[in-house]
Amino acid sequence: MVSTKNVHHARYVQVGESWTKKKLVSEINKQHSVFDLRTVCDRMERIIEAINYEPKPIIIDEADYLISGNKIELIREIRDETHCPIVLLGEGQLSIKLRKFERVHNRVLRWVFARKYGSNFGYTHISRKLDKSILKLSVI
């Protein structure tokens, strides 16, 4: 199976449960080959500049972890400033968790839910869906 992020030249970040806002923007910066910035604000400005210079979709896995600490608002800010397609992958409750962030939830273009598919629970189904729709999605 060909990776969706390679086919569409998307950037991929897998969020960790213990991540802070600074760690989140640091990892997104790494995807844009930007290093050594001190503040979250500086890092956000560089992310926005990099995406505007070279727009590519961003895939964020384990997006459930963005809810704590309002890290999801940083993703919304990136989306608002760049209009870059962002795909959030997470647990089935992600749509419910995002409801308390109305400014984020209202920007979701389409929800695609994984179903049990063969021996790999959901993964093949998700890959096929993303391969067909990643460029159409503007999930935030």
C-alpha atoms as a PDB file:
ATOM      1  CA  MET A   1       0.000   0.000   0.000  1.00  0.00           C
ATOM      2  CA  VAL A   2       1.365   3.436  -0.930  1.00  0.00           C
ATOM      3  CA  SER A   3       1.363   5.995   1.865  1.00  0.00           C
ATOM      4  CA  THR A   4      -1.169   8.781   1.384  1.00  0.00           C
ATOM      5  CA  LYS A   5       1.295  11.376   2.653  1.00  0.00           C
ATOM      6  CA  ASN A   6       3.762  10.370  -0.092  1.00  0.00           C
ATOM      7  CA  VAL A   7       1.198  10.271  -2.903  1.00  0.00           C
ATOM      8  CA  HIS A   8      -0.084  13.765  -2.128  1.00  0.00           C
ATOM      9  CA  HIS A   9       3.165  15.142  -0.687  1.00  0.00           C
ATOM     10  CA  ALA A  10       1.318  15.860   2.529  1.00  0.00           C
ATOM     11  CA  ARG A  11       2.974  16.629   5.805  1.00  0.00           C
ATOM     12  CA  TYR A  12       2.266  14.158   8.611  1.00  0.00           C
ATOM     13  CA  VAL A  13       2.351  14.711  12.371  1.00  0.00           C
ATOM     14  CA  GLN A  14       1.431  12.102  14.975  1.00  0.00           C
ATOM     15  CA  VAL A  15       0.492  13.930  18.181  1.00  0.00           C
ATOM     16  CA  GLY A  16       1.599  12.547  21.533  1.00  0.00           C
ATOM     17  CA  GLU A  17      -0.547  12.536  24.648  1.00  0.00           C
ATOM     18  CA  SER A  18       2.007  14.504  26.659  1.00  0.00           C
ATOM     19  CA  TRP A  19       2.589  17.178  24.021  1.00  0.00           C
ATOM     20  CA  THR A  20       2.453  20.846  24.901  1.00  0.00           C
ATOM     21  CA  LYS A  21       1.642  23.636  22.443  1.00  0.00           C
ATOM     22  CA  LYS A  22       5.367  24.238  22.020  1.00  0.00           C
ATOM     23  CA  LYS A  23       6.022  20.579  21.195  1.00  0.00           C
ATOM     24  CA  LEU A  24       3.137  20.541  18.697  1.00  0.00           C
ATOM     25  CA  VAL A  25       4.362  23.568  16.770  1.00  0.00           C
ATOM     26  CA  SER A  26       7.947  22.266  16.965  1.00  0.00           C
ATOM     27  CA  GLU A  27       6.909  19.042  15.240  1.00  0.00           C
ATOM     28  CA  ILE A  28       4.952  20.919  12.575  1.00  0.00           C
ATOM     29  CA  ASN A  29       7.998  23.157  12.092  1.00  0.00           C
ATOM     30  CA  LYS A  30      10.177  20.083  11.535  1.00  0.00           C
ATOM     31  CA  GLN A  31       7.844  19.032   8.718  1.00  0.00           C
ATOM     32  CA  HIS A  32       8.601  22.397   7.114  1.00  0.00           C
ATOM     33  CA  SER A  33      12.362  22.185   7.800  1.00  0.00           C
ATOM     34  CA  VAL A  34      12.242  25.068  10.264  1.00  0.00           C
ATOM     35  CA  PHE A  35      14.301  24.764  13.451  1.00  0.00           C
ATOM     36  CA  ASP A  36      15.629  26.748  16.415  1.00  0.00           C
ATOM     37  CA  LEU A  37      12.835  29.163  17.226  1.00  0.00           C
ATOM     38  CA  ARG A  38      12.184  30.107  20.825  1.00  0.00           C
ATOM     39  CA  THR A  39       8.531  31.016  21.302  1.00  0.00           C
ATOM     40  CA  VAL A  40       5.297  29.388  20.199  1.00  0.00           C
ATOM     41  CA  CYS A  41       4.357  32.665  18.509  1.00  0.00           C
ATOM     42  CA  ASP A  42       7.590  32.708  16.463  1.00  0.00           C
ATOM     43  CA  ARG A  43       7.094  29.063  15.501  1.00  0.00           C
ATOM     44  CA  MET A  44       3.493  29.710  14.424  1.00  0.00           C
ATOM     45  CA  GLU A  45       4.559  32.630  12.239  1.00  0.00           C
ATOM     46  CA  ARG A  46       7.178  30.458  10.519  1.00  0.00           C
ATOM     47  CA  ILE A  47       4.684  27.612   9.979  1.00  0.00           C
ATOM     48  CA  ILE A  48       2.246  30.020   8.341  1.00  0.00           C
ATOM     49  CA  GLU A  49       4.998  31.515   6.167  1.00  0.00           C
ATOM     50  CA  ALA A  50       6.236  28.057   5.127  1.00  0.00           C
ATOM     51  CA  ILE A  51       2.757  26.791   4.250  1.00  0.00           C
ATOM     52  CA  ASN A  52       1.931  29.934   2.285  1.00  0.00           C
ATOM     53  CA  TYR A  53       5.213  29.549   0.396  1.00  0.00           C
ATOM     54  CA  GLU A  54       4.736  25.829  -0.308  1.00  0.00           C
ATOM     55  CA  PRO A  55       1.141  24.729   0.369  1.00  0.00           C
ATOM     56  CA  LYS A  56       0.743  21.030   1.117  1.00  0.00           C
ATOM     57  CA  PRO A  57      -1.999  19.230   3.050  1.00  0.00           C
ATOM     58  CA  ILE A  58      -1.283  18.419   6.688  1.00  0.00           C
ATOM     59  CA  ILE A  59      -2.347  15.090   8.184  1.00  0.00           C
ATOM     60  CA  ILE A  60      -2.581  15.080  11.975  1.00  0.00           C
ATOM     61  CA  ASP A  61      -2.872  11.646  13.571  1.00  0.00           C
ATOM     62  CA  GLU A  62      -4.042  11.110  17.155  1.00  0.00           C
ATOM     63  CA  ALA A  63      -5.881  14.436  16.898  1.00  0.00           C
ATOM     64  CA  ASP A  64      -7.803  13.621  20.083  1.00  0.00           C
ATOM     65  CA  TYR A  65      -4.763  14.813  22.004  1.00  0.00           C
ATOM     66  CA  LEU A  66      -5.194  18.303  20.531  1.00  0.00           C
ATOM     67  CA  ILE A  67      -8.307  18.855  22.655  1.00  0.00           C
ATOM     68  CA  SER A  68      -6.484  19.117  25.991  1.00  0.00           C
ATOM     69  CA  GLY A  69      -4.760  22.426  26.514  1.00  0.00           C
ATOM     70  CA  ASN A  70      -6.649  23.977  23.571  1.00  0.00           C
ATOM     71  CA  LYS A  71      -3.932  22.893  21.134  1.00  0.00           C
ATOM     72  CA  ILE A  72      -6.672  22.482  18.530  1.00  0.00           C
ATOM     73  CA  GLU A  73      -6.918  26.295  18.390  1.00  0.00           C
ATOM     74  CA  LEU A  74      -3.356  26.440  17.023  1.00  0.00           C
ATOM     75  CA  ILE A  75      -4.420  24.111  14.211  1.00  0.00           C
ATOM     76  CA  ARG A  76      -7.440  26.329  13.543  1.00  0.00           C
ATOM     77  CA  GLU A  77      -5.176  29.369  13.389  1.00  0.00           C
ATOM     78  CA  ILE A  78      -2.920  27.640  10.852  1.00  0.00           C
ATOM     79  CA  ARG A  79      -5.969  26.752   8.760  1.00  0.00           C
ATOM     80  CA  ASP A  80      -7.435  30.253   8.947  1.00  0.00           C
ATOM     81  CA  GLU A  81      -4.166  31.936   7.983  1.00  0.00           C
ATOM     82  CA  THR A  82      -3.168  29.556   5.166  1.00  0.00           C
ATOM     83  CA  HIS A  83      -6.385  27.909   3.897  1.00  0.00           C
ATOM     84  CA  CYS A  84      -4.310  24.726   3.773  1.00  0.00           C
ATOM     85  CA  PRO A  85      -6.269  21.440   3.871  1.00  0.00           C
ATOM     86  CA  ILE A  86      -5.861  19.748   7.246  1.00  0.00           C
ATOM     87  CA  VAL A  87      -6.968  16.183   7.890  1.00  0.00           C
ATOM     88  CA  LEU A  88      -7.554  15.163  11.496  1.00  0.00           C
ATOM     89  CA  LEU A  89      -7.371  11.457  12.306  1.00  0.00           C
ATOM     90  CA  GLY A  90      -8.588  10.328  15.698  1.00  0.00           C
ATOM     91  CA  GLU A  91     -10.854   8.147  17.757  1.00  0.00           C
ATOM     92  CA  GLY A  92     -14.556   7.857  16.980  1.00  0.00           C
ATOM     93  CA  GLN A  93     -15.398  10.417  19.671  1.00  0.00           C
ATOM     94  CA  LEU A  94     -13.313  13.149  18.003  1.00  0.00           C
ATOM     95  CA  SER A  95     -16.337  14.824  16.428  1.00  0.00           C
ATOM     96  CA  ILE A  96     -18.086  14.950  19.810  1.00  0.00           C
ATOM     97  CA  LYS A  97     -14.975  16.297  21.561  1.00  0.00           C
ATOM     98  CA  LEU A  98     -14.620  19.028  18.934  1.00  0.00           C
ATOM     99  CA  ARG A  99     -18.172  20.297  19.504  1.00  0.00           C
ATOM    100  CA  LYS A 100     -16.998  22.352  22.476  1.00  0.00           C
ATOM    101  CA  PHE A 101     -14.680  24.183  20.065  1.00  0.00           C
ATOM    102  CA  GLU A 102     -17.379  25.699  17.870  1.00  0.00           C
ATOM    103  CA  ARG A 103     -14.910  27.729  15.774  1.00  0.00           C
ATOM    104  CA  VAL A 104     -13.159  24.480  14.876  1.00  0.00           C
ATOM    105  CA  HIS A 105     -16.165  22.181  14.587  1.00  0.00           C
ATOM    106  CA  ASN A 106     -17.940  24.572  12.178  1.00  0.00           C
ATOM    107  CA  ARG A 107     -14.973  24.460   9.793  1.00  0.00           C
ATOM    108  CA  VAL A 108     -15.092  20.700   9.234  1.00  0.00           C
ATOM    109  CA  LEU A 109     -15.878  20.047   5.598  1.00  0.00           C
ATOM    110  CA  ARG A 110     -16.566  16.335   5.910  1.00  0.00           C
ATOM    111  CA  TRP A 111     -16.404  13.593   8.553  1.00  0.00           C
ATOM    112  CA  VAL A 112     -15.186  10.199   7.340  1.00  0.00           C
ATOM    113  CA  PHE A 113     -15.533   7.382   9.845  1.00  0.00           C
ATOM    114  CA  ALA A 114     -13.459   4.200   9.693  1.00  0.00           C
ATOM    115  CA  ARG A 115     -15.220   0.864   9.655  1.00  0.00           C
ATOM    116  CA  LYS A 116     -13.900  -2.599  10.320  1.00  0.00           C
ATOM    117  CA  TYR A 117     -12.307  -3.670   7.051  1.00  0.00           C
ATOM    118  CA  GLY A 118     -10.671  -7.085   6.818  1.00  0.00           C
ATOM    119  CA  SER A 119      -7.937  -7.958   9.289  1.00  0.00           C
ATOM    120  CA  ASN A 120      -6.637  -4.386   9.640  1.00  0.00           C
ATOM    121  CA  PHE A 121      -9.295  -2.565  11.613  1.00  0.00           C
ATOM    122  CA  GLY A 122     -10.187   0.457   9.530  1.00  0.00           C
ATOM    123  CA  TYR A 123      -6.728   1.264   8.209  1.00  0.00           C
ATOM    124  CA  THR A 124      -7.205   0.103   4.631  1.00  0.00           C
ATOM    125  CA  HIS A 125     -10.561   1.849   4.481  1.00  0.00           C
ATOM    126  CA  ILE A 126      -9.055   5.093   5.799  1.00  0.00           C
ATOM    127  CA  SER A 127      -6.182   4.940   3.310  1.00  0.00           C
ATOM    128  CA  ARG A 128      -8.503   4.446   0.377  1.00  0.00           C
ATOM    129  CA  LYS A 129     -10.739   7.305   1.503  1.00  0.00           C
ATOM    130  CA  LEU A 130      -7.805   9.650   2.012  1.00  0.00           C
ATOM    131  CA  ASP A 131      -6.207   8.683  -1.312  1.00  0.00           C
ATOM    132  CA  LYS A 132      -9.402   9.772  -3.055  1.00  0.00           C
ATOM    133  CA  SER A 133     -10.333  12.783  -1.011  1.00  0.00           C
ATOM    134  CA  ILE A 134      -7.360  14.368   0.717  1.00  0.00           C
ATOM    135  CA  LEU A 135      -7.144  17.209  -1.785  1.00  0.00           C
ATOM    136  CA  LYS A 136     -10.854  17.894  -1.452  1.00  0.00           C
ATOM    137  CA  LEU A 137     -10.863  17.907   2.335  1.00  0.00           C
ATOM    138  CA  SER A 138     -10.449  21.072   4.245  1.00  0.00           C
ATOM    139  CA  VAL A 139     -11.016  19.650   7.679  1.00  0.00           C
ATOM    140  CA  ILE A 140     -10.917  22.814   9.761  1.00  0.00           C
END
